[in-house]
Amino acid sequence: MKLGKGNLSGGHKLVLAMLFIGPLLVMAGKWAALPTCEFFTRAFSLGGLSKDMQDRVTYVLSVPFGAALVVFFRLFLGIRLLGPFRSILIAVAFQITGILPGLVFLAAVIGIVVAIRPLIKALRLPYFARVSVILSTVALIMLIALLASAWLGFASLGRAAYFPIVVLCLMGEGFARTLSREGVGSALWRGAMTALVAVLITFLFQIHGFRGLFLHFPELLVVETGCIIVIAEFFDLRLLARLNPPVPISLPSKRAGEKAKSAARKAAPQESFER
């Protein structure tokens, strides 16, 4: 019986095994009972960094872990998200703003983007122009939040200014696009699951012991890469895929019709020129 999808050759499997064996050897070298402990700890640990630098490195450490968690949710569990990167980027933002203020501000921005997107599309602007308008709108929202924080004395509202603008635009645009293509149920579900994964990543890295584990064993990042490959190759089971809201059957044909109309519009000037 073939194990996995069969995409990995013998050489690939050897490299995959090294992604686990190599870091485990480094971790074993840090064991206090071994004479290599001092050297391996000094050479392969981030625990000696300053507090400020450790906080910054935490953002880097959370990205590969977040990627592995996203793959686990999407492939092993089958939960649909708004793309592979949004949860990770939002988690990085939540580590700056805090989870609750970040969620509230994120929901507000998504609501505003969804509200103005039809107005922007009605102007028939090219894609780059539409996205740029949304980008400017999000920047304006952040500025208003910052001013409101100063007026009302809400420090938590002021932290929204640290939310990366691109993350907000990606989330708002992705939610609005899903809403247009797949309906309210799918958009809410995928948006909520994307936020849930981001909250989970943030919550885990706020645990001192969990964050300290990665600071002391940064080689775990290599193990996480191996875990991503293992899940994709051997555990693409989609166990909870039935929980995803159904996508309307008419959507693929609708998109095909829109593509056909777009192709016809592009071809029309050329045809009239040839005539």
Protein backbone atom coordinates (compact mmCIF):
# COMPACT_ATOMS: atom_id res chain seq x y z
CA MET A 1 0.00 0.00 0.00
CA LYS A 2 1.38 3.39 -1.00
CA LEU A 3 1.98 5.71 1.92
CA GLY A 4 1.06 9.32 1.26
CA LYS A 5 0.43 10.89 -2.13
CA GLY A 6 3.56 9.46 -3.71
CA ASN A 7 5.05 12.84 -4.57
CA LEU A 8 8.27 12.27 -2.61
CA SER A 9 11.13 10.28 -4.09
CA GLY A 10 13.68 8.43 -1.97
CA GLY A 11 15.96 11.48 -2.01
CA HIS A 12 13.10 13.75 -0.99
CA LYS A 13 12.28 11.49 1.94
CA LEU A 14 15.91 11.54 3.03
CA VAL A 15 15.95 15.34 3.01
CA LEU A 16 12.63 15.34 4.88
CA ALA A 17 14.07 13.03 7.52
CA MET A 18 17.04 15.36 7.95
CA LEU A 19 14.67 18.24 8.65
CA PHE A 20 13.76 16.35 11.83
CA ILE A 21 16.98 14.53 12.67
CA GLY A 22 19.29 17.56 12.37
CA PRO A 23 17.36 19.83 14.77
CA LEU A 24 16.81 16.96 17.21
CA LEU A 25 20.56 16.37 17.35
CA VAL A 26 21.14 20.06 18.06
CA MET A 27 18.49 19.97 20.79
CA ALA A 28 20.11 16.88 22.31
CA GLY A 29 23.46 18.68 22.29
CA LYS A 30 21.97 21.29 24.66
CA TRP A 31 21.22 18.68 27.29
CA ALA A 32 22.86 19.74 30.54
CA ALA A 33 24.35 16.30 31.16
CA LEU A 34 26.45 16.44 27.98
CA PRO A 35 29.77 18.28 27.61
CA THR A 36 28.43 19.94 24.45
CA CYS A 37 25.73 21.79 26.40
CA GLU A 38 27.58 25.08 26.86
CA PHE A 39 28.80 25.29 23.25
CA PHE A 40 25.47 24.30 21.66
CA THR A 41 23.50 26.63 23.94
CA ARG A 42 25.80 29.55 23.11
CA ALA A 43 25.81 28.83 19.38
CA PHE A 44 22.17 27.76 18.83
CA SER A 45 20.08 29.73 21.32
CA LEU A 46 18.45 33.15 21.36
CA GLY A 47 17.93 33.23 25.11
CA GLY A 48 20.88 35.56 25.63
CA LEU A 49 19.34 38.39 23.60
CA SER A 50 18.06 41.52 25.28
CA LYS A 51 14.40 41.72 26.26
CA ASP A 52 13.62 44.19 23.48
CA MET A 53 15.37 42.04 20.88
CA GLN A 54 13.59 38.90 22.12
CA ASP A 55 10.24 40.63 21.62
CA ARG A 56 11.20 41.48 18.05
CA VAL A 57 12.52 37.99 17.34
CA THR A 58 9.24 36.56 18.62
CA TYR A 59 7.51 38.00 15.55
CA VAL A 60 9.95 36.09 13.34
CA LEU A 61 9.57 32.88 15.35
CA SER A 62 5.77 33.05 15.14
CA VAL A 63 5.73 33.11 11.31
CA PRO A 64 6.90 29.51 10.62
CA PHE A 65 4.80 28.21 13.51
CA GLY A 66 1.81 30.10 12.13
CA ALA A 67 2.45 28.64 8.68
CA ALA A 68 2.44 25.11 10.10
CA LEU A 69 -0.76 25.82 12.02
CA VAL A 70 -2.45 27.22 8.90
CA VAL A 71 -1.50 24.10 6.94
CA PHE A 72 -2.83 21.93 9.77
CA PHE A 73 -6.18 23.74 9.73
CA ARG A 74 -6.49 23.83 5.93
CA LEU A 75 -5.22 20.37 4.96
CA PHE A 76 -5.55 18.10 8.00
CA LEU A 77 -8.83 19.59 9.29
CA GLY A 78 -10.07 20.94 5.95
CA ILE A 79 -11.15 24.31 7.39
CA ARG A 80 -11.29 27.00 4.70
CA LEU A 81 -9.49 30.26 5.44
CA LEU A 82 -9.04 33.53 3.59
CA GLY A 83 -5.76 32.47 2.03
CA PRO A 84 -2.55 31.06 3.55
CA PHE A 85 -0.90 34.29 4.77
CA ARG A 86 -3.62 36.40 6.37
CA SER A 87 -3.80 34.52 9.67
CA ILE A 88 -0.04 34.78 10.11
CA LEU A 89 0.08 38.49 9.31
CA ILE A 90 -2.88 39.21 11.58
CA ALA A 91 -1.20 37.25 14.40
CA VAL A 92 1.89 39.42 14.09
CA ALA A 93 -0.36 42.50 14.28
CA PHE A 94 -2.22 41.11 17.32
CA GLN A 95 1.08 40.75 19.17
CA ILE A 96 1.45 44.53 18.84
CA THR A 97 -2.13 45.70 19.36
CA GLY A 98 -3.46 43.01 21.69
CA ILE A 99 -6.05 40.41 20.71
CA LEU A 100 -9.31 42.11 21.71
CA PRO A 101 -8.52 45.63 20.39
CA GLY A 102 -7.10 44.07 17.27
CA LEU A 103 -10.23 41.98 16.65
CA VAL A 104 -12.54 44.96 17.14
CA PHE A 105 -10.53 47.21 14.85
CA LEU A 106 -10.17 44.44 12.25
CA ALA A 107 -13.94 43.84 12.20
CA ALA A 108 -14.60 47.57 11.86
CA VAL A 109 -12.20 47.94 8.94
CA ILE A 110 -13.62 44.88 7.17
CA GLY A 111 -17.14 46.30 7.55
CA ILE A 112 -16.10 49.63 6.05
CA VAL A 113 -14.22 47.98 3.17
CA VAL A 114 -17.22 45.78 2.38
CA ALA A 115 -19.47 48.87 2.42
CA ILE A 116 -17.35 50.98 0.07
CA ARG A 117 -16.22 48.22 -2.30
CA PRO A 118 -19.41 48.31 -4.46
CA LEU A 119 -19.06 52.09 -4.76
CA ILE A 120 -15.47 51.72 -5.90
CA LYS A 121 -16.36 48.99 -8.39
CA ALA A 122 -19.16 51.18 -9.77
CA LEU A 123 -16.49 53.66 -10.87
CA ARG A 124 -15.05 50.90 -13.11
CA LEU A 125 -11.54 51.59 -11.86
CA PRO A 126 -8.73 49.18 -12.82
CA TYR A 127 -7.69 46.67 -10.17
CA PHE A 128 -4.59 48.60 -9.11
CA ALA A 129 -6.63 51.78 -8.69
CA ARG A 130 -9.34 49.97 -6.67
CA VAL A 131 -6.80 48.45 -4.30
CA SER A 132 -5.03 51.79 -3.95
CA VAL A 133 -8.30 53.50 -3.01
CA ILE A 134 -8.94 50.82 -0.37
CA LEU A 135 -5.39 51.25 0.89
CA SER A 136 -5.89 55.00 1.27
CA THR A 137 -9.25 54.46 2.96
CA VAL A 138 -7.74 52.09 5.51
CA ALA A 139 -4.97 54.60 6.23
CA LEU A 140 -7.64 57.24 6.82
CA ILE A 141 -9.51 54.92 9.21
CA MET A 142 -6.31 54.34 11.17
CA LEU A 143 -5.71 58.09 11.37
CA ILE A 144 -9.24 58.67 12.64
CA ALA A 145 -8.75 55.93 15.24
CA LEU A 146 -5.53 57.58 16.39
CA LEU A 147 -7.21 61.00 16.69
CA ALA A 148 -10.20 59.47 18.50
CA SER A 149 -7.79 57.82 20.93
CA ALA A 150 -6.33 61.23 21.78
CA TRP A 151 -9.78 62.85 22.08
CA LEU A 152 -11.37 60.12 24.18
CA GLY A 153 -8.31 59.00 26.10
CA PHE A 154 -8.57 55.36 24.99
CA ALA A 155 -5.01 54.03 24.83
CA SER A 156 -6.17 50.70 23.39
CA LEU A 157 -7.71 52.51 20.41
CA GLY A 158 -4.41 54.24 19.77
CA ARG A 159 -2.66 50.88 19.45
CA ALA A 160 -4.69 50.29 16.29
CA ALA A 161 -2.25 52.65 14.57
CA TYR A 162 0.36 49.90 14.87
CA PHE A 163 -1.78 47.51 12.82
CA PRO A 164 -0.03 47.04 9.44
CA ILE A 165 -2.11 48.72 6.74
CA VAL A 166 -1.40 46.02 4.16
CA VAL A 167 -2.74 43.32 6.52
CA LEU A 168 -6.00 45.23 6.95
CA CYS A 169 -6.32 45.74 3.18
CA LEU A 170 -5.66 42.07 2.44
CA MET A 171 -8.20 40.94 5.02
CA GLY A 172 -10.84 43.44 3.93
CA GLU A 173 -10.38 42.76 0.23
CA GLY A 174 -10.32 38.98 0.77
CA PHE A 175 -13.50 39.06 2.86
CA ALA A 176 -15.30 41.32 0.38
CA ARG A 177 -14.27 39.17 -2.57
CA THR A 178 -15.44 35.98 -0.83
CA LEU A 179 -18.71 37.71 0.06
CA SER A 180 -19.26 38.60 -3.58
CA ARG A 181 -18.35 35.18 -4.95
CA GLU A 182 -19.52 32.72 -2.30
CA GLY A 183 -22.13 34.53 -0.22
CA VAL A 184 -22.48 35.77 3.34
CA GLY A 185 -22.19 32.39 5.07
CA SER A 186 -18.90 31.43 3.44
CA ALA A 187 -17.41 34.90 3.93
CA LEU A 188 -18.29 34.98 7.63
CA TRP A 189 -17.06 31.44 8.18
CA ARG A 190 -13.73 31.90 6.38
CA GLY A 191 -13.19 35.29 8.01
CA ALA A 192 -13.94 33.93 11.48
CA MET A 193 -11.67 30.90 11.00
CA THR A 194 -8.86 33.12 9.71
CA ALA A 195 -9.19 35.31 12.80
CA LEU A 196 -9.41 32.22 15.06
CA VAL A 197 -6.10 30.85 13.78
CA ALA A 198 -4.52 34.29 14.24
CA VAL A 199 -5.81 34.46 17.82
CA LEU A 200 -4.49 30.96 18.54
CA ILE A 201 -1.01 31.84 17.23
CA THR A 202 -0.97 35.06 19.25
CA PHE A 203 -2.26 33.41 22.42
CA LEU A 204 0.38 30.67 22.31
CA PHE A 205 3.23 33.13 21.81
CA GLN A 206 1.99 35.21 24.72
CA ILE A 207 2.66 32.23 26.99
CA HIS A 208 6.12 32.85 28.42
CA GLY A 209 7.11 29.18 28.47
CA PHE A 210 5.95 28.57 24.91
CA ARG A 211 7.82 31.58 23.56
CA GLY A 212 10.86 30.65 25.65
CA LEU A 213 10.87 27.19 24.09
CA PHE A 214 11.41 28.67 20.63
CA LEU A 215 13.97 31.17 21.92
CA HIS A 216 16.00 28.35 23.49
CA PHE A 217 15.43 25.95 20.59
CA PRO A 218 15.22 28.09 17.41
CA GLU A 219 16.08 24.97 15.43
CA LEU A 220 12.42 24.04 15.86
CA LEU A 221 11.76 26.31 12.87
CA VAL A 222 13.37 23.63 10.69
CA VAL A 223 11.15 20.99 12.30
CA GLU A 224 8.10 23.12 11.48
CA THR A 225 9.10 23.14 7.82
CA GLY A 226 9.28 19.35 7.95
CA CYS A 227 5.87 19.22 9.63
CA ILE A 228 4.34 21.29 6.82
CA ILE A 229 5.66 18.84 4.22
CA VAL A 230 4.52 15.81 6.27
CA ILE A 231 0.99 17.18 6.64
CA ALA A 232 0.76 18.06 2.95
CA GLU A 233 2.06 14.67 1.81
CA PHE A 234 0.70 12.22 4.37
CA PHE A 235 -2.10 13.90 6.32
CA ASP A 236 -4.14 15.82 3.75
CA LEU A 237 -7.31 14.34 5.26
CA ARG A 238 -9.75 17.30 5.43
CA LEU A 239 -11.41 15.72 8.47
CA LEU A 240 -13.76 18.63 9.23
CA ALA A 241 -14.35 19.83 5.68
CA ARG A 242 -18.09 19.16 6.07
CA LEU A 243 -18.26 22.09 8.49
CA ASN A 244 -17.46 24.55 5.69
CA PRO A 245 -20.56 26.29 4.31
CA PRO A 246 -21.45 25.02 0.83
CA VAL A 247 -20.38 27.16 -2.10
CA PRO A 248 -23.21 27.92 -4.58
CA ILE A 249 -22.96 25.66 -7.61
CA SER A 250 -23.75 28.49 -9.99
CA LEU A 251 -20.63 30.43 -9.05
CA PRO A 252 -18.13 28.64 -11.33
CA SER A 253 -20.37 29.10 -14.36
CA LYS A 254 -20.95 32.72 -13.41
CA ARG A 255 -17.22 33.36 -13.19
CA ALA A 256 -16.72 31.58 -16.50
CA GLY A 257 -19.34 33.84 -18.06
CA GLU A 258 -17.65 36.92 -16.66
CA LYS A 259 -14.29 35.77 -18.04
CA ALA A 260 -15.87 35.15 -21.45
CA LYS A 261 -17.40 38.65 -21.46
CA SER A 262 -14.08 40.16 -20.44
CA ALA A 263 -12.27 38.30 -23.21
CA ALA A 264 -14.89 39.44 -25.72
CA ARG A 265 -14.45 43.07 -24.67
CA LYS A 266 -10.70 42.83 -25.09
CA ALA A 267 -11.03 41.19 -28.49
CA ALA A 268 -13.62 43.66 -29.81
CA PRO A 269 -11.21 46.52 -30.67
CA GLN A 270 -8.91 44.11 -32.48
CA GLU A 271 -11.79 42.66 -34.51
CA SER A 272 -13.06 46.09 -35.54
CA PHE A 273 -9.54 47.09 -36.56
CA GLU A 274 -9.17 44.01 -38.74
CA ARG A 275 -12.49 44.77 -40.41
